[in-house]
Amino acid sequence: MAISISLTVNGAPISASIDPGTLLVQFLRDQMRLTGTHVGCDTAQCGACTVHLNGRAIKSCNILAVQAEGAQITTIEGLAQNGALHPMQAAFKHCHGLQCGFCTPGMVMSAVSLVQRQPNLTGDDVRAQLDGNLCRCTGYHNIVKAVLEGAEGMQSNASANADAPAAAPATA
């Protein structure tokens, strides 16, 4: 028996018919074809499946798609805007915060959420807060550097957007 759901994924309204037992990660990968969200452990331990649900980082292998009814979902594919990498994505690239890249989308999504909650981070803060995201390829040093650089970039973007003049009202 299929269930209809409606939600917003990366800014686009979506309606779909799904099996009630479909995990959010399965819905995103299999039905939406957003394969940047990875399935690592299926037990919410590794963080490879991290996405934002209403602005909060969650592990999408641990939530049913029907629980996201009416929600705003952002995946790694939704971070870049107008062809420009998000500051955290750019920092991971610049600081070599990835090796094989499998954990990177989840790390980036968790890091963005972390910086939004706690903009003034130390390396120890990053290590403590990203403990739910596992990487089997690195020693985390470059990931921590990337998150700190990404935090600076996010703060710079926020300042620039705050200082930008308001757009003129649209006319009909």
C-alpha atoms as a PDB file:
ATOM      1  CA  MET A   1       0.000   0.000   0.000  1.00  0.00           C
ATOM      2  CA  ALA A   2       1.583   3.252  -1.150  1.00  0.00           C
ATOM      3  CA  ILE A   3       1.428   6.503   0.804  1.00  0.00           C
ATOM      4  CA  SER A   4       1.578   9.974  -0.754  1.00  0.00           C
ATOM      5  CA  ILE A   5       4.014  12.484   0.668  1.00  0.00           C
ATOM      6  CA  SER A   6       4.771  16.110  -0.117  1.00  0.00           C
ATOM      7  CA  LEU A   7       7.964  17.841   0.901  1.00  0.00           C
ATOM      8  CA  THR A   8      10.528  20.289  -0.414  1.00  0.00           C
ATOM      9  CA  VAL A   9      13.883  18.904  -1.540  1.00  0.00           C
ATOM     10  CA  ASN A  10      16.678  21.357  -2.330  1.00  0.00           C
ATOM     11  CA  GLY A  11      14.120  24.126  -2.766  1.00  0.00           C
ATOM     12  CA  ALA A  12      11.805  22.217  -5.115  1.00  0.00           C
ATOM     13  CA  PRO A  13       8.349  21.048  -4.028  1.00  0.00           C
ATOM     14  CA  ILE A  14       8.028  17.272  -4.429  1.00  0.00           C
ATOM     15  CA  SER A  15       5.044  14.935  -4.245  1.00  0.00           C
ATOM     16  CA  ALA A  16       5.588  11.201  -4.399  1.00  0.00           C
ATOM     17  CA  SER A  17       3.960   7.896  -3.714  1.00  0.00           C
ATOM     18  CA  ILE A  18       6.106   5.638  -1.530  1.00  0.00           C
ATOM     19  CA  ASP A  19       6.005   2.431   0.443  1.00  0.00           C
ATOM     20  CA  PRO A  20       5.398   3.287   4.142  1.00  0.00           C
ATOM     21  CA  GLY A  21       8.667   1.577   5.151  1.00  0.00           C
ATOM     22  CA  THR A  22      10.879   3.626   2.824  1.00  0.00           C
ATOM     23  CA  LEU A  23      13.755   5.295   4.628  1.00  0.00           C
ATOM     24  CA  LEU A  24      14.464   8.924   3.785  1.00  0.00           C
ATOM     25  CA  VAL A  25      17.898   7.981   2.418  1.00  0.00           C
ATOM     26  CA  GLN A  26      16.276   5.417   0.090  1.00  0.00           C
ATOM     27  CA  PHE A  27      13.737   7.969  -1.099  1.00  0.00           C
ATOM     28  CA  LEU A  28      16.441  10.558  -1.806  1.00  0.00           C
ATOM     29  CA  ARG A  29      18.753   8.130  -3.608  1.00  0.00           C
ATOM     30  CA  ASP A  30      16.313   5.812  -5.367  1.00  0.00           C
ATOM     31  CA  GLN A  31      13.352   8.028  -6.205  1.00  0.00           C
ATOM     32  CA  MET A  32      14.917  11.486  -6.312  1.00  0.00           C
ATOM     33  CA  ARG A  33      18.230  10.241  -7.791  1.00  0.00           C
ATOM     34  CA  LEU A  34      20.173  12.428  -5.356  1.00  0.00           C
ATOM     35  CA  THR A  35      23.046  10.021  -4.884  1.00  0.00           C
ATOM     36  CA  GLY A  36      25.369  12.367  -2.998  1.00  0.00           C
ATOM     37  CA  THR A  37      23.681  11.174   0.182  1.00  0.00           C
ATOM     38  CA  HIS A  38      25.453   7.898   0.870  1.00  0.00           C
ATOM     39  CA  VAL A  39      24.435   4.733   2.684  1.00  0.00           C
ATOM     40  CA  GLY A  40      27.306   3.626   4.874  1.00  0.00           C
ATOM     41  CA  CYS A  41      26.255   1.580   7.850  1.00  0.00           C
ATOM     42  CA  ASP A  42      22.421   1.513   7.894  1.00  0.00           C
ATOM     43  CA  THR A  43      22.599   1.988  11.681  1.00  0.00           C
ATOM     44  CA  ALA A  44      23.024   5.786  12.037  1.00  0.00           C
ATOM     45  CA  GLN A  45      26.602   5.331  13.221  1.00  0.00           C
ATOM     46  CA  CYS A  46      28.731   6.633  10.336  1.00  0.00           C
ATOM     47  CA  GLY A  47      26.991   9.855   9.240  1.00  0.00           C
ATOM     48  CA  ALA A  48      27.448   9.276   5.484  1.00  0.00           C
ATOM     49  CA  CYS A  49      23.684   9.776   5.029  1.00  0.00           C
ATOM     50  CA  THR A  50      23.496  13.175   6.779  1.00  0.00           C
ATOM     51  CA  VAL A  51      21.083  15.709   5.265  1.00  0.00           C
ATOM     52  CA  HIS A  52      19.319  18.773   6.655  1.00  0.00           C
ATOM     53  CA  LEU A  53      15.694  18.414   7.701  1.00  0.00           C
ATOM     54  CA  ASN A  54      14.191  21.843   8.377  1.00  0.00           C
ATOM     55  CA  GLY A  55      17.723  23.219   8.770  1.00  0.00           C
ATOM     56  CA  ARG A  56      18.916  20.576  11.233  1.00  0.00           C
ATOM     57  CA  ALA A  57      21.440  17.843  10.398  1.00  0.00           C
ATOM     58  CA  ILE A  58      19.920  14.373  10.656  1.00  0.00           C
ATOM     59  CA  LYS A  59      20.961  10.887   9.613  1.00  0.00           C
ATOM     60  CA  SER A  60      18.560   9.992   6.835  1.00  0.00           C
ATOM     61  CA  CYS A  61      19.029   6.236   7.279  1.00  0.00           C
ATOM     62  CA  ASN A  62      17.323   6.554  10.650  1.00  0.00           C
ATOM     63  CA  ILE A  63      14.078   8.258   9.601  1.00  0.00           C
ATOM     64  CA  LEU A  64      11.210   7.137   7.429  1.00  0.00           C
ATOM     65  CA  ALA A  65      10.428   9.279   4.397  1.00  0.00           C
ATOM     66  CA  VAL A  66       6.838   9.663   5.640  1.00  0.00           C
ATOM     67  CA  GLN A  67       8.231  11.377   8.754  1.00  0.00           C
ATOM     68  CA  ALA A  68       9.551  14.125   6.467  1.00  0.00           C
ATOM     69  CA  GLU A  69       6.028  15.004   5.276  1.00  0.00           C
ATOM     70  CA  GLY A  70       5.851  18.775   4.777  1.00  0.00           C
ATOM     71  CA  ALA A  71       9.539  19.230   5.656  1.00  0.00           C
ATOM     72  CA  GLN A  72      12.326  21.122   3.929  1.00  0.00           C
ATOM     73  CA  ILE A  73      15.155  18.736   3.016  1.00  0.00           C
ATOM     74  CA  THR A  74      18.578  19.893   1.848  1.00  0.00           C
ATOM     75  CA  THR A  75      21.071  17.391   0.472  1.00  0.00           C
ATOM     76  CA  ILE A  76      24.686  17.931  -0.529  1.00  0.00           C
ATOM     77  CA  GLU A  77      23.420  18.667  -4.058  1.00  0.00           C
ATOM     78  CA  GLY A  78      21.403  21.589  -2.665  1.00  0.00           C
ATOM     79  CA  LEU A  79      24.250  23.448  -0.952  1.00  0.00           C
ATOM     80  CA  ALA A  80      25.917  24.992  -3.997  1.00  0.00           C
ATOM     81  CA  GLN A  81      24.105  28.053  -5.321  1.00  0.00           C
ATOM     82  CA  ASN A  82      24.240  29.455  -8.848  1.00  0.00           C
ATOM     83  CA  GLY A  83      27.153  27.198  -9.764  1.00  0.00           C
ATOM     84  CA  ALA A  84      29.299  28.342  -6.825  1.00  0.00           C
ATOM     85  CA  LEU A  85      30.338  25.890  -4.138  1.00  0.00           C
ATOM     86  CA  HIS A  86      29.051  26.535  -0.622  1.00  0.00           C
ATOM     87  CA  PRO A  87      31.907  27.911   1.551  1.00  0.00           C
ATOM     88  CA  MET A  88      32.118  24.584   3.409  1.00  0.00           C
ATOM     89  CA  GLN A  89      32.354  22.621   0.155  1.00  0.00           C
ATOM     90  CA  ALA A  90      35.057  25.006  -1.070  1.00  0.00           C
ATOM     91  CA  ALA A  91      36.979  24.630   2.207  1.00  0.00           C
ATOM     92  CA  PHE A  92      36.888  20.821   2.014  1.00  0.00           C
ATOM     93  CA  LYS A  93      38.298  21.076  -1.508  1.00  0.00           C
ATOM     94  CA  HIS A  94      40.944  23.655  -0.575  1.00  0.00           C
ATOM     95  CA  CYS A  95      42.086  21.907   2.622  1.00  0.00           C
ATOM     96  CA  HIS A  96      42.042  18.407   1.124  1.00  0.00           C
ATOM     97  CA  GLY A  97      39.435  17.394   3.702  1.00  0.00           C
ATOM     98  CA  LEU A  98      38.630  14.230   1.777  1.00  0.00           C
ATOM     99  CA  GLN A  99      40.362  11.229   0.359  1.00  0.00           C
ATOM    100  CA  CYS A 100      38.024   8.691  -1.175  1.00  0.00           C
ATOM    101  CA  GLY A 101      35.111  11.136  -0.768  1.00  0.00           C
ATOM    102  CA  PHE A 102      32.558   8.628   0.527  1.00  0.00           C
ATOM    103  CA  CYS A 103      32.067  10.326   3.914  1.00  0.00           C
ATOM    104  CA  THR A 104      32.519  13.856   2.563  1.00  0.00           C
ATOM    105  CA  PRO A 105      28.877  14.740   1.801  1.00  0.00           C
ATOM    106  CA  GLY A 106      27.796  13.753   5.305  1.00  0.00           C
ATOM    107  CA  MET A 107      30.785  15.545   6.850  1.00  0.00           C
ATOM    108  CA  VAL A 108      29.994  18.717   4.906  1.00  0.00           C
ATOM    109  CA  MET A 109      26.309  18.620   5.828  1.00  0.00           C
ATOM    110  CA  SER A 110      27.118  18.054   9.511  1.00  0.00           C
ATOM    111  CA  ALA A 111      29.757  20.798   9.453  1.00  0.00           C
ATOM    112  CA  VAL A 112      27.365  23.352   7.926  1.00  0.00           C
ATOM    113  CA  SER A 113      24.797  22.604  10.611  1.00  0.00           C
ATOM    114  CA  LEU A 114      27.470  22.781  13.320  1.00  0.00           C
ATOM    115  CA  VAL A 115      28.682  26.203  12.151  1.00  0.00           C
ATOM    116  CA  GLN A 116      25.112  27.503  11.978  1.00  0.00           C
ATOM    117  CA  ARG A 117      24.632  26.494  15.622  1.00  0.00           C
ATOM    118  CA  GLN A 118      28.114  27.431  16.873  1.00  0.00           C
ATOM    119  CA  PRO A 119      29.912  29.856  14.534  1.00  0.00           C
ATOM    120  CA  ASN A 120      33.030  30.425  16.677  1.00  0.00           C
ATOM    121  CA  LEU A 121      34.603  26.987  16.709  1.00  0.00           C
ATOM    122  CA  THR A 122      37.913  25.636  17.875  1.00  0.00           C
ATOM    123  CA  GLY A 123      39.560  22.513  16.543  1.00  0.00           C
ATOM    124  CA  ASP A 124      38.512  20.692  19.721  1.00  0.00           C
ATOM    125  CA  ASP A 125      34.899  21.796  19.155  1.00  0.00           C
ATOM    126  CA  VAL A 126      34.968  20.391  15.635  1.00  0.00           C
ATOM    127  CA  ARG A 127      36.429  17.076  16.783  1.00  0.00           C
ATOM    128  CA  ALA A 128      33.834  16.732  19.548  1.00  0.00           C
ATOM    129  CA  GLN A 129      30.849  17.773  17.434  1.00  0.00           C
ATOM    130  CA  LEU A 130      31.650  15.689  14.361  1.00  0.00           C
ATOM    131  CA  ASP A 131      32.159  12.500  16.353  1.00  0.00           C
ATOM    132  CA  GLY A 132      29.037  11.030  14.732  1.00  0.00           C
ATOM    133  CA  ASN A 133      30.675  11.164  11.287  1.00  0.00           C
ATOM    134  CA  LEU A 134      33.240   8.500  10.550  1.00  0.00           C
ATOM    135  CA  CYS A 135      36.004   8.589   7.972  1.00  0.00           C
ATOM    136  CA  ARG A 136      38.023   5.476   7.314  1.00  0.00           C
ATOM    137  CA  CYS A 137      40.632   7.160   5.102  1.00  0.00           C
ATOM    138  CA  THR A 138      41.987  10.154   7.019  1.00  0.00           C
ATOM    139  CA  GLY A 139      43.303  11.130  10.400  1.00  0.00           C
ATOM    140  CA  TYR A 140      40.704  13.947  10.523  1.00  0.00           C
ATOM    141  CA  HIS A 141      43.372  16.689  10.616  1.00  0.00           C
ATOM    142  CA  ASN A 142      42.451  18.117   7.198  1.00  0.00           C
ATOM    143  CA  ILE A 143      38.733  17.685   7.916  1.00  0.00           C
ATOM    144  CA  VAL A 144      39.099  19.847  11.044  1.00  0.00           C
ATOM    145  CA  LYS A 145      41.077  22.430   9.040  1.00  0.00           C
ATOM    146  CA  ALA A 146      38.372  22.406   6.366  1.00  0.00           C
ATOM    147  CA  VAL A 147      35.552  22.918   8.872  1.00  0.00           C
ATOM    148  CA  LEU A 148      37.352  25.844  10.506  1.00  0.00           C
ATOM    149  CA  GLU A 149      38.064  27.431   7.102  1.00  0.00           C
ATOM    150  CA  GLY A 150      34.490  26.740   6.011  1.00  0.00           C
ATOM    151  CA  ALA A 151      33.201  28.417   9.174  1.00  0.00           C
ATOM    152  CA  GLU A 152      35.192  31.538   8.302  1.00  0.00           C
ATOM    153  CA  GLY A 153      33.794  31.471   4.773  1.00  0.00           C
ATOM    154  CA  MET A 154      30.239  31.064   6.034  1.00  0.00           C
ATOM    155  CA  GLN A 155      30.704  34.004   8.410  1.00  0.00           C
ATOM    156  CA  SER A 156      32.177  36.129   5.607  1.00  0.00           C
ATOM    157  CA  ASN A 157      29.212  35.276   3.351  1.00  0.00           C
ATOM    158  CA  ALA A 158      26.756  36.095   6.136  1.00  0.00           C
ATOM    159  CA  SER A 159      28.458  39.461   6.704  1.00  0.00           C
ATOM    160  CA  ALA A 160      28.514  40.242   2.989  1.00  0.00           C
ATOM    161  CA  ASN A 161      24.815  39.356   2.652  1.00  0.00           C
ATOM    162  CA  ALA A 162      23.944  41.484   5.678  1.00  0.00           C
ATOM    163  CA  ASP A 163      25.788  44.457   4.179  1.00  0.00           C
ATOM    164  CA  ALA A 164      24.271  44.062   0.708  1.00  0.00           C
ATOM    165  CA  PRO A 165      21.566  46.550  -0.244  1.00  0.00           C
ATOM    166  CA  ALA A 166      18.040  45.225  -0.230  1.00  0.00           C
ATOM    167  CA  ALA A 167      16.639  44.273  -3.605  1.00  0.00           C
ATOM    168  CA  ALA A 168      14.187  46.677  -5.163  1.00  0.00           C
ATOM    169  CA  PRO A 169      10.581  45.521  -4.934  1.00  0.00           C
ATOM    170  CA  ALA A 170       9.300  43.726  -8.003  1.00  0.00           C
ATOM    171  CA  THR A 171       6.845  45.601 -10.132  1.00  0.00           C
ATOM    172  CA  ALA A 172       3.983  44.051 -12.032  1.00  0.00           C
END
